[in-house]
Protein backbone atom coordinates (compact mmCIF):
# COMPACT_ATOMS: atom_id res chain seq x y z
CA UNK A 1 0.00 0.00 0.00
CA UNK A 2 1.31 3.44 -0.92
CA UNK A 3 1.96 5.61 2.12
CA UNK A 4 -0.07 8.49 0.67
CA UNK A 5 -3.05 6.18 0.11
CA UNK A 6 -2.85 4.95 3.68
CA UNK A 7 -2.65 8.46 5.08
CA UNK A 8 -5.60 9.58 2.95
CA UNK A 9 -7.79 6.73 4.20
CA UNK A 10 -6.75 7.16 7.84
CA UNK A 11 -6.88 10.95 8.00
CA UNK A 12 -9.54 12.37 5.73
CA UNK A 13 -12.99 12.37 7.30
CA UNK A 14 -11.86 10.49 10.42
CA UNK A 15 -12.50 11.44 14.06
CA UNK A 16 -10.82 8.66 16.00
CA UNK A 17 -9.24 5.24 15.43
CA UNK A 18 -8.94 2.69 18.26
CA UNK A 19 -6.15 1.50 18.28
CA UNK A 20 -4.53 3.41 15.41
CA UNK A 21 -0.95 2.11 15.56
CA UNK A 22 -2.14 -1.49 15.71
CA UNK A 23 -4.51 -0.92 12.79
CA UNK A 24 -1.71 0.61 10.71
CA UNK A 25 0.47 -2.43 11.33
CA UNK A 26 -2.41 -4.69 10.34
CA UNK A 27 -3.01 -2.75 7.12
CA UNK A 28 0.68 -2.78 6.24
CA UNK A 29 0.80 -6.57 6.80
CA UNK A 30 -1.26 -7.13 3.67
CA UNK A 31 -3.98 -9.09 5.49
CA UNK A 32 -7.45 -8.82 3.93
CA UNK A 33 -9.53 -7.34 6.73
CA UNK A 34 -13.18 -7.96 7.54
CA UNK A 35 -14.77 -4.53 7.90
CA UNK A 36 -18.02 -4.34 9.83
CA UNK A 37 -20.73 -1.78 9.40
CA UNK A 38 -24.20 -2.38 10.76
CA UNK A 39 -27.37 -0.55 9.94
CA UNK A 40 -30.80 -0.62 11.50
CA UNK A 41 -33.50 -0.37 8.84
CA UNK A 42 -35.76 1.63 11.14
CA UNK A 43 -36.27 4.01 8.20
CA UNK A 44 -36.09 3.18 4.50
CA UNK A 45 -34.04 6.12 3.23
CA UNK A 46 -30.34 6.89 3.25
CA UNK A 47 -29.17 10.50 3.50
CA UNK A 48 -25.78 12.13 3.08
CA UNK A 49 -25.05 11.65 6.78
CA UNK A 50 -24.96 7.90 6.15
CA UNK A 51 -22.87 8.40 3.02
CA UNK A 52 -19.90 9.64 5.09
CA UNK A 53 -19.30 6.15 6.47
CA UNK A 54 -20.25 4.40 3.24
CA UNK A 55 -17.61 6.35 1.31
CA UNK A 56 -14.98 5.28 3.82
CA UNK A 57 -15.99 1.64 3.33
CA UNK A 58 -15.63 2.07 -0.42
CA UNK A 59 -12.11 3.44 0.06
CA UNK A 60 -11.12 0.35 2.05
CA UNK A 61 -12.71 -1.89 -0.59
CA UNK A 62 -10.52 -0.24 -3.22
CA UNK A 63 -7.53 -1.22 -1.08
CA UNK A 64 -8.64 -4.84 -1.24
CA UNK A 65 -10.54 -5.34 2.01
CA UNK A 66 -13.87 -7.10 2.61
CA UNK A 67 -16.94 -5.17 3.77
CA UNK A 68 -19.45 -7.11 5.85
CA UNK A 69 -22.77 -5.32 6.14
CA UNK A 70 -24.87 -6.37 9.13
CA UNK A 71 -28.58 -5.83 8.58
CA UNK A 72 -29.94 -5.16 12.06
CA UNK A 73 -33.32 -6.76 11.55
CA UNK A 74 -33.45 -7.50 15.29
CA UNK A 75 -31.93 -4.33 16.74
CA UNK A 76 -34.07 -2.20 14.40
CA UNK A 77 -37.14 -3.48 16.19
CA UNK A 78 -35.66 -2.01 19.38
CA UNK A 79 -34.23 1.15 17.84
CA UNK A 80 -30.80 2.48 18.78
CA UNK A 81 -31.41 4.78 21.78
CA UNK A 82 -28.32 6.84 20.97
CA UNK A 83 -29.12 10.50 21.30
CA UNK A 84 -32.76 9.99 22.24
CA UNK A 85 -34.48 11.32 25.33
CA UNK A 86 -37.24 8.74 25.45
CA UNK A 87 -37.94 5.11 24.71
CA UNK A 88 -38.36 4.36 21.00
CA UNK A 89 -41.39 2.55 19.66
CA UNK A 90 -40.65 -0.93 18.35
CA UNK A 91 -41.16 -1.77 14.68
CA UNK A 92 -42.73 -4.91 13.31
CA UNK A 93 -40.61 -7.50 11.50
CA UNK A 94 -42.50 -6.70 8.28
CA UNK A 95 -41.70 -2.98 8.52
CA UNK A 96 -38.06 -3.73 9.16
CA UNK A 97 -37.81 -6.12 6.19
CA UNK A 98 -39.42 -3.61 3.79
CA UNK A 99 -37.12 -0.82 5.00
CA UNK A 100 -34.07 -3.06 4.65
CA UNK A 101 -34.75 -3.92 1.02
CA UNK A 102 -35.03 -0.23 0.13
CA UNK A 103 -31.94 0.60 2.17
CA UNK A 104 -29.82 -2.05 0.45
CA UNK A 105 -30.71 -0.72 -3.00
CA UNK A 106 -29.44 2.70 -1.97
CA UNK A 107 -26.41 1.39 -0.06
CA UNK A 108 -24.94 -0.13 -3.20
CA UNK A 109 -25.03 3.19 -4.98
CA UNK A 110 -21.89 3.95 -2.96
CA UNK A 111 -20.42 0.66 -1.75
CA UNK A 112 -19.26 -2.00 -4.25
CA UNK A 113 -21.83 -4.80 -4.18
CA UNK A 114 -19.36 -7.37 -5.54
CA UNK A 115 -16.99 -6.78 -2.61
CA UNK A 116 -19.66 -6.82 0.09
CA UNK A 117 -20.98 -9.66 2.20
CA UNK A 118 -24.48 -9.10 3.63
CA UNK A 119 -25.48 -10.80 6.87
CA UNK A 120 -28.80 -10.58 8.71
CA UNK A 121 -28.85 -10.62 12.51
CA UNK A 122 -31.73 -13.08 12.42
CA UNK A 123 -29.23 -15.68 11.19
CA UNK A 124 -27.98 -15.95 14.79
CA UNK A 125 -30.49 -14.12 16.97
CA UNK A 126 -33.33 -16.11 15.43
CA UNK A 127 -31.89 -19.15 17.22
CA UNK A 128 -31.35 -17.42 20.54
CA UNK A 129 -32.93 -18.98 23.61
CA UNK A 130 -33.58 -17.36 26.97
CA UNK A 131 -30.44 -19.12 28.23
CA UNK A 132 -28.43 -17.44 25.47
CA UNK A 133 -29.80 -14.02 26.44
CA UNK A 134 -28.91 -14.58 30.10
CA UNK A 135 -25.39 -15.69 29.19
CA UNK A 136 -24.91 -12.59 27.06
CA UNK A 137 -26.22 -10.18 29.70
CA UNK A 138 -23.97 -11.76 32.34
CA UNK A 139 -20.94 -10.39 30.47
CA UNK A 140 -21.69 -6.77 31.40
CA UNK A 141 -22.92 -4.81 34.40
CA UNK A 142 -25.65 -2.20 34.70
CA UNK A 143 -22.98 0.29 35.77
CA UNK A 144 -21.16 -0.25 32.46
CA UNK A 145 -24.32 0.44 30.48
CA UNK A 146 -25.23 3.50 32.53
CA UNK A 147 -21.79 4.92 31.72
CA UNK A 148 -23.14 5.57 28.24
CA UNK A 149 -23.96 9.28 28.07
CA UNK A 150 -27.55 9.11 26.80
CA UNK A 151 -28.48 6.36 29.28
CA UNK A 152 -26.85 8.27 32.11
CA UNK A 153 -28.67 11.50 31.28
CA UNK A 154 -32.06 9.80 31.11
CA UNK A 155 -31.44 7.86 34.33
CA UNK A 156 -30.33 11.01 36.17
CA UNK A 157 -33.40 12.90 34.92
CA UNK A 158 -35.76 10.11 35.98
CA UNK A 159 -36.82 9.35 32.42
CA UNK A 160 -37.64 5.72 31.60
CA UNK A 161 -35.16 3.35 29.97
CA UNK A 162 -36.60 0.11 28.64
CA UNK A 163 -34.68 -3.08 29.33
CA UNK A 164 -34.77 -3.75 25.58
CA UNK A 165 -32.76 -0.55 25.07
CA UNK A 166 -30.13 -1.73 27.54
CA UNK A 167 -29.84 -4.88 25.43
CA UNK A 168 -29.11 -2.92 22.25
CA UNK A 169 -25.35 -2.38 22.77
CA UNK A 170 -24.98 -6.04 23.76
CA UNK A 171 -26.68 -7.26 20.61
CA UNK A 172 -24.56 -4.99 18.43
CA UNK A 173 -21.46 -6.25 20.22
CA UNK A 174 -22.49 -9.86 19.62
CA UNK A 175 -22.68 -9.12 15.89
CA UNK A 176 -18.93 -8.45 15.95
CA UNK A 177 -18.32 -11.83 17.56
CA UNK A 178 -20.45 -13.70 15.04
CA UNK A 179 -18.76 -12.17 11.98
CA UNK A 180 -15.28 -12.02 13.59
CA UNK A 181 -14.84 -8.36 12.69
CA UNK A 182 -11.36 -6.91 12.32
CA UNK A 183 -12.60 -3.31 12.19
CA UNK A 184 -15.99 -1.77 13.01
CA UNK A 185 -17.01 1.50 11.38
CA UNK A 186 -19.47 4.02 12.76
CA UNK A 187 -20.20 7.62 13.55
CA UNK A 188 -18.64 9.13 16.66
CA UNK A 189 -21.98 8.62 18.43
CA UNK A 190 -21.44 4.86 18.08
CA UNK A 191 -18.20 4.81 20.09
CA UNK A 192 -19.72 3.17 23.16
CA UNK A 193 -21.41 0.41 21.17
CA UNK A 194 -18.31 -0.30 19.09
CA UNK A 195 -16.12 -0.54 22.19
CA UNK A 196 -18.61 -2.99 23.68
CA UNK A 197 -18.03 -5.19 20.64
CA UNK A 198 -14.28 -4.94 21.13
CA UNK A 199 -14.63 -5.97 24.77
CA UNK A 200 -17.01 -8.85 24.09
CA UNK A 201 -14.75 -10.28 21.39
CA UNK A 202 -11.89 -10.35 23.87
CA UNK A 203 -14.09 -12.11 26.43
CA UNK A 204 -14.99 -14.72 23.81
CA UNK A 205 -11.37 -15.44 22.93
CA UNK A 206 -11.22 -13.42 19.71
CA UNK A 207 -8.79 -10.69 18.69
CA UNK A 208 -10.57 -7.44 19.62
CA UNK A 209 -11.76 -5.38 16.67
CA UNK A 210 -10.37 -1.96 15.89
CA UNK A 211 -12.83 0.91 15.93
CA UNK A 212 -12.97 3.45 13.11
CA UNK A 213 -15.07 6.51 14.00
CA UNK A 214 -16.15 9.28 11.67
CA UNK A 215 -17.65 12.72 12.35
CA UNK A 216 -21.38 13.33 12.24
CA UNK A 217 -22.47 15.40 9.26
CA UNK A 218 -24.32 18.54 10.31
CA UNK A 219 -27.62 18.99 8.50
CA UNK A 220 -28.79 21.80 6.25
CA UNK A 221 -29.89 23.82 9.29
CA UNK A 222 -26.24 24.20 10.23
CA UNK A 223 -26.89 23.24 13.85
CA UNK A 224 -27.74 19.58 14.42
CA UNK A 225 -26.60 16.32 12.89
CA UNK A 226 -28.36 15.39 9.66
CA UNK A 227 -31.57 13.56 10.47
CA UNK A 228 -34.87 12.83 8.79
CA UNK A 229 -36.73 13.52 12.02
CA UNK A 230 -35.24 17.04 12.09
CA UNK A 231 -36.04 17.61 8.39
CA UNK A 232 -32.50 18.88 7.79
CA UNK A 233 -31.39 16.05 5.53
CA UNK A 234 -30.45 15.51 1.89
CA UNK A 235 -31.60 12.07 0.71
CA UNK A 236 -29.61 10.23 -1.94
CA UNK A 237 -32.94 9.47 -3.63
CA UNK A 238 -33.72 13.18 -3.98
CA UNK A 239 -34.14 14.43 -7.53
CA UNK A 240 -31.07 16.19 -8.98
CA UNK A 241 -32.85 19.55 -8.67
CA UNK A 242 -33.83 18.99 -5.02
CA UNK A 243 -30.41 17.64 -4.10
CA UNK A 244 -28.63 20.56 -5.78
CA UNK A 245 -30.94 23.11 -4.17
CA UNK A 246 -30.55 21.60 -0.70
CA UNK A 247 -26.77 21.63 -0.96
CA UNK A 248 -26.94 25.29 -1.98
CA UNK A 249 -28.99 25.99 1.16
CA UNK A 250 -26.32 24.87 3.65
CA UNK A 251 -24.56 27.61 5.65
CA UNK A 252 -21.19 28.73 4.33
CA UNK A 253 -19.63 27.48 7.57
CA UNK A 254 -20.31 23.87 6.50
CA UNK A 255 -18.72 24.12 3.07
CA UNK A 256 -15.36 22.59 3.90
CA UNK A 257 -16.83 19.82 6.05
CA UNK A 258 -19.07 18.76 3.18
CA UNK A 259 -16.20 18.90 0.70
CA UNK A 260 -13.99 16.78 2.96
CA UNK A 261 -16.59 14.20 3.95
CA UNK A 262 -18.63 13.84 0.76
CA UNK A 263 -16.33 14.47 -2.22
CA UNK A 264 -13.07 13.29 -3.77
CA UNK A 265 -11.76 16.80 -4.38
CA UNK A 266 -8.01 16.53 -3.59
CA UNK A 267 -6.75 17.80 -0.23
CA UNK A 268 -4.46 20.30 -1.97
CA UNK A 269 -7.41 21.90 -3.70
CA UNK A 270 -9.42 21.95 -0.47
CA UNK A 271 -6.57 23.80 1.19
CA UNK A 272 -6.78 26.44 -1.55
CA UNK A 273 -10.52 26.75 -0.86
CA UNK A 274 -9.84 27.26 2.86
CA UNK A 275 -7.27 29.97 2.21
CA UNK A 276 -9.60 31.71 -0.19
CA UNK A 277 -12.50 31.66 2.28
CA UNK A 278 -10.28 32.84 5.11
CA UNK A 279 -8.90 35.72 3.04
CA UNK A 280 -12.36 36.43 1.61
CA UNK A 281 -10.82 36.28 -1.85
CA UNK A 282 -13.33 33.73 -3.15
CA UNK A 283 -17.10 33.97 -3.31
CA UNK A 284 -18.62 31.12 -1.19
CA UNK A 285 -21.37 30.83 -3.80
CA UNK A 286 -18.83 29.66 -6.39
CA UNK A 287 -17.52 26.95 -4.06
CA UNK A 288 -21.03 25.94 -3.06
CA UNK A 289 -21.97 25.41 -6.71
CA UNK A 290 -18.87 23.27 -7.14
CA UNK A 291 -19.88 21.25 -4.08
CA UNK A 292 -23.44 20.80 -5.36
CA UNK A 293 -22.17 19.61 -8.75
CA UNK A 294 -19.81 17.13 -7.09
CA UNK A 295 -22.52 15.63 -4.87
CA UNK A 296 -25.31 15.51 -7.47
CA UNK A 297 -22.87 14.05 -9.99
CA UNK A 298 -22.10 11.13 -7.67
CA UNK A 299 -25.70 9.94 -7.63
CA UNK A 300 -27.18 11.23 -10.88
CA UNK A 301 -24.31 11.81 -13.29
CA UNK A 302 -22.64 14.88 -14.80
CA UNK A 303 -25.44 15.75 -17.23
CA UNK A 304 -28.08 15.75 -14.49
CA UNK A 305 -25.78 17.80 -12.28
CA UNK A 306 -25.33 20.46 -14.98
CA UNK A 307 -29.08 20.57 -15.63
CA UNK A 308 -29.76 20.95 -11.92
CA UNK A 309 -27.35 23.88 -11.77
CA UNK A 310 -29.00 25.53 -14.74
CA UNK A 311 -32.41 25.06 -13.14
CA UNK A 312 -31.15 26.54 -9.85
CA UNK A 313 -29.77 29.62 -11.54
CA UNK A 314 -33.02 30.17 -13.42
CA UNK A 315 -35.50 29.47 -10.64
CA UNK A 316 -33.69 30.59 -7.50
CA UNK A 317 -31.18 33.18 -8.61
CA UNK A 318 -33.22 34.75 -11.42
CA UNK A 319 -36.53 33.97 -9.70
CA UNK A 320 -38.12 32.51 -12.82
CA UNK A 321 -40.79 29.81 -12.86
CA UNK A 322 -39.28 26.41 -13.81
CA UNK A 323 -40.20 24.95 -17.18
CA UNK A 324 -41.37 21.69 -15.67
CA UNK A 325 -43.77 22.07 -12.76
CA UNK A 326 -46.14 19.61 -11.13
CA UNK A 327 -49.85 20.26 -11.47
CA UNK A 328 -52.91 19.65 -9.36
CA UNK A 329 -56.35 19.67 -10.94
CA UNK A 330 -59.04 21.64 -9.13
CA UNK A 331 -62.68 21.99 -10.12
CA UNK A 332 -63.81 25.59 -10.32
CA UNK A 333 -67.41 24.68 -11.17
CA UNK A 334 -68.11 22.04 -8.54
CA UNK A 335 -70.46 23.14 -5.73
CA UNK A 336 -67.93 21.75 -3.28
CA UNK A 337 -65.57 24.53 -4.24
CA UNK A 338 -67.42 26.85 -1.89
CA UNK A 339 -69.64 29.92 -2.02
CA UNK A 340 -66.87 32.35 -2.97
CA UNK A 341 -66.80 31.44 -6.66
CA UNK A 342 -67.21 34.37 -9.03
CA UNK A 343 -65.93 35.58 -12.37
CA UNK A 344 -63.13 38.09 -11.92
CA UNK A 345 -60.21 39.59 -13.75
CA UNK A 346 -56.86 38.06 -12.82
CA UNK A 347 -55.19 40.59 -10.52
CA UNK A 348 -51.58 39.80 -11.52
CA UNK A 349 -49.51 37.62 -13.78
CA UNK A 350 -47.25 34.77 -12.76
CA UNK A 351 -43.69 35.72 -12.00
CA UNK A 352 -44.51 39.33 -11.22
CA UNK A 353 -45.60 41.14 -8.10
CA UNK A 354 -47.40 44.05 -9.77
CA UNK A 355 -51.04 44.37 -10.80
CA UNK A 356 -52.01 44.29 -14.45
CA UNK A 357 -52.71 47.61 -16.07
CA UNK A 358 -56.18 48.44 -17.39
CA UNK A 359 -54.97 48.47 -20.96
CA UNK A 360 -53.41 45.01 -20.98
CA UNK A 361 -55.13 42.54 -23.26
CA UNK A 362 -55.29 39.80 -20.64
CA UNK A 363 -57.71 41.96 -18.66
CA UNK A 364 -60.48 40.99 -21.06
CA UNK A 365 -60.18 37.33 -20.11
CA UNK A 366 -62.22 36.52 -17.02
CA UNK A 367 -61.20 33.58 -14.86
CA UNK A 368 -62.96 31.78 -12.06
CA UNK A 369 -61.79 32.39 -8.54
CA UNK A 370 -62.40 30.12 -5.57
CA UNK A 371 -61.14 29.52 -2.07
CA UNK A 372 -58.96 26.46 -1.55
CA UNK A 373 -57.27 24.78 1.38
CA UNK A 374 -53.56 25.47 0.83
CA UNK A 375 -52.24 22.82 3.29
CA UNK A 376 -54.48 20.25 1.58
CA UNK A 377 -53.07 21.12 -1.84
CA UNK A 378 -49.47 20.89 -0.65
CA UNK A 379 -50.09 17.62 1.15
CA UNK A 380 -51.81 16.13 -1.91
CA UNK A 381 -48.62 16.60 -3.94
CA UNK A 382 -46.29 15.49 -1.12
CA UNK A 383 -44.75 18.96 -1.03
CA UNK A 384 -45.08 18.77 2.75
CA UNK A 385 -45.23 15.84 5.13
CA UNK A 386 -48.22 17.04 7.11
CA UNK A 387 -50.77 19.81 7.44
CA UNK A 388 -48.86 21.02 10.48
CA UNK A 389 -45.73 21.52 8.39
CA UNK A 390 -47.72 23.40 5.75
CA UNK A 391 -49.20 25.71 8.37
CA UNK A 392 -45.76 26.32 9.85
CA UNK A 393 -44.38 27.30 6.43
CA UNK A 394 -47.32 29.66 5.87
CA UNK A 395 -46.73 31.33 9.24
CA UNK A 396 -43.04 31.72 8.34
CA UNK A 397 -43.95 33.44 5.07
CA UNK A 398 -42.41 30.66 2.99
CA UNK A 399 -45.49 30.07 0.82
CA UNK A 400 -46.52 32.41 -1.98
CA UNK A 401 -49.05 32.38 -4.79
CA UNK A 402 -48.42 34.20 -8.05
CA UNK A 403 -45.64 36.19 -6.42
CA UNK A 404 -47.49 37.20 -3.27
CA UNK A 405 -46.94 35.72 0.19
CA UNK A 406 -49.85 33.72 1.60
CA UNK A 407 -50.68 34.44 5.25
CA UNK A 408 -53.67 32.15 5.82
CA UNK A 409 -54.38 28.44 5.33
CA UNK A 410 -57.22 29.30 2.96
CA UNK A 411 -56.57 31.48 -0.07
CA UNK A 412 -58.34 32.57 -3.22
CA UNK A 413 -56.93 30.86 -6.27
CA UNK A 414 -57.29 31.11 -10.04
CA UNK A 415 -56.91 28.52 -12.73
CA UNK A 416 -53.18 28.52 -13.67
CA UNK A 417 -52.16 30.03 -10.33
CA UNK A 418 -48.70 28.96 -9.23
CA UNK A 419 -47.92 28.22 -5.61
CA UNK A 420 -44.30 28.36 -4.47
CA UNK A 421 -43.07 26.72 -1.28
CA UNK A 422 -39.67 27.91 -0.16
CA UNK A 423 -37.13 28.30 -2.96
CA UNK A 424 -37.39 24.98 -4.77
CA UNK A 425 -40.93 23.59 -4.63
CA UNK A 426 -43.72 24.59 -6.96
CA UNK A 427 -47.22 23.47 -7.90
CA UNK A 428 -49.60 24.81 -10.53
CA UNK A 429 -53.37 24.88 -10.10
CA UNK A 430 -55.13 23.78 -13.29
CA UNK A 431 -58.82 23.81 -14.10
CA UNK A 432 -59.99 20.18 -13.92
CA UNK A 433 -63.05 20.92 -16.03
CA UNK A 434 -61.00 22.56 -18.77
CA UNK A 435 -58.76 19.50 -18.98
CA UNK A 436 -61.71 17.16 -19.64
């Protein structure tokens, strides 16, 4: 192995390695290592926060090592309590299986499928008896488990901790024993669990695994780690336009972290970026566009990345309506539309904020106006996850219609009205009767 390759793998995007000197000697020995990464399919989607670790696995694969992916179909039903303040609800086996299948499809967009072994926890935990559980729990003490920060905080605050949650680190540790892991990979928040695996292996007569920990990617809000529950994530299944736009929305302070953790831009070039940002000799917008192209290109290709950039410049920077926009049909003649229907002149055109002048030809064309439920429209097109989210966006002034901010959940709408949500989401109201 070239020294520069080794240093790149061990330094870039790495928080801590336990025990680093021993791992270096192992890597230099030429032994093909078994690299463990487990995932709990408690949710079906992978976001860029997960990609940080997946990219590191791919780097080790390219050096000739074997990735072993542990599908936590048992631990997912418990839910990793890491970072939570309350007991998680358990998932059914069917939910876990469905999530896992989706997760695996996305996982292999980054990690080489041909160099990956996939193991399911049920292969060993499915045969566990009560005696096996008791033997496993006898290896550790309650005091050891309560040393984990999130457990300790909840215990000190008098918040409940389910016994199943206390079992979670033990089950994850047992995975390392069953696959005889040489190295376990995880985010820095997994340090306790990974060290438990190292300790259990030693108890069971195996060589203890090394632990390879990576930083947690901060989400688009610039404050907390990327998470679907916090709605600050960028999913790898996002469309090129959405992915590009979300990357462009991150704070400038995260630029270099994203470059380092999510791209292959050489370290020398990243150092130039840092100097330029520090000296304020480079516009962060230029670097952010480069970052967005790099990330979108990984998952959608160069052509899609360039198209996404063009769309961003047109829609966000120039504030134009995108050429392709989703539609929702709405009946303007149905009695269910409400009592406010009447023929009126359109008060303004799309893409402008001014009223039409009396002499403009479009003034002769009456259109039907009606009152619609804005949260219902947004929810129908999956532009929001819930009515509550839609209402929150309206209160924040993030929803506009035909260039004017909407302040209420109900609003008067015309056929061909365009609703904009934030900077990147659009929907056009079309007359259902006219389309028939």
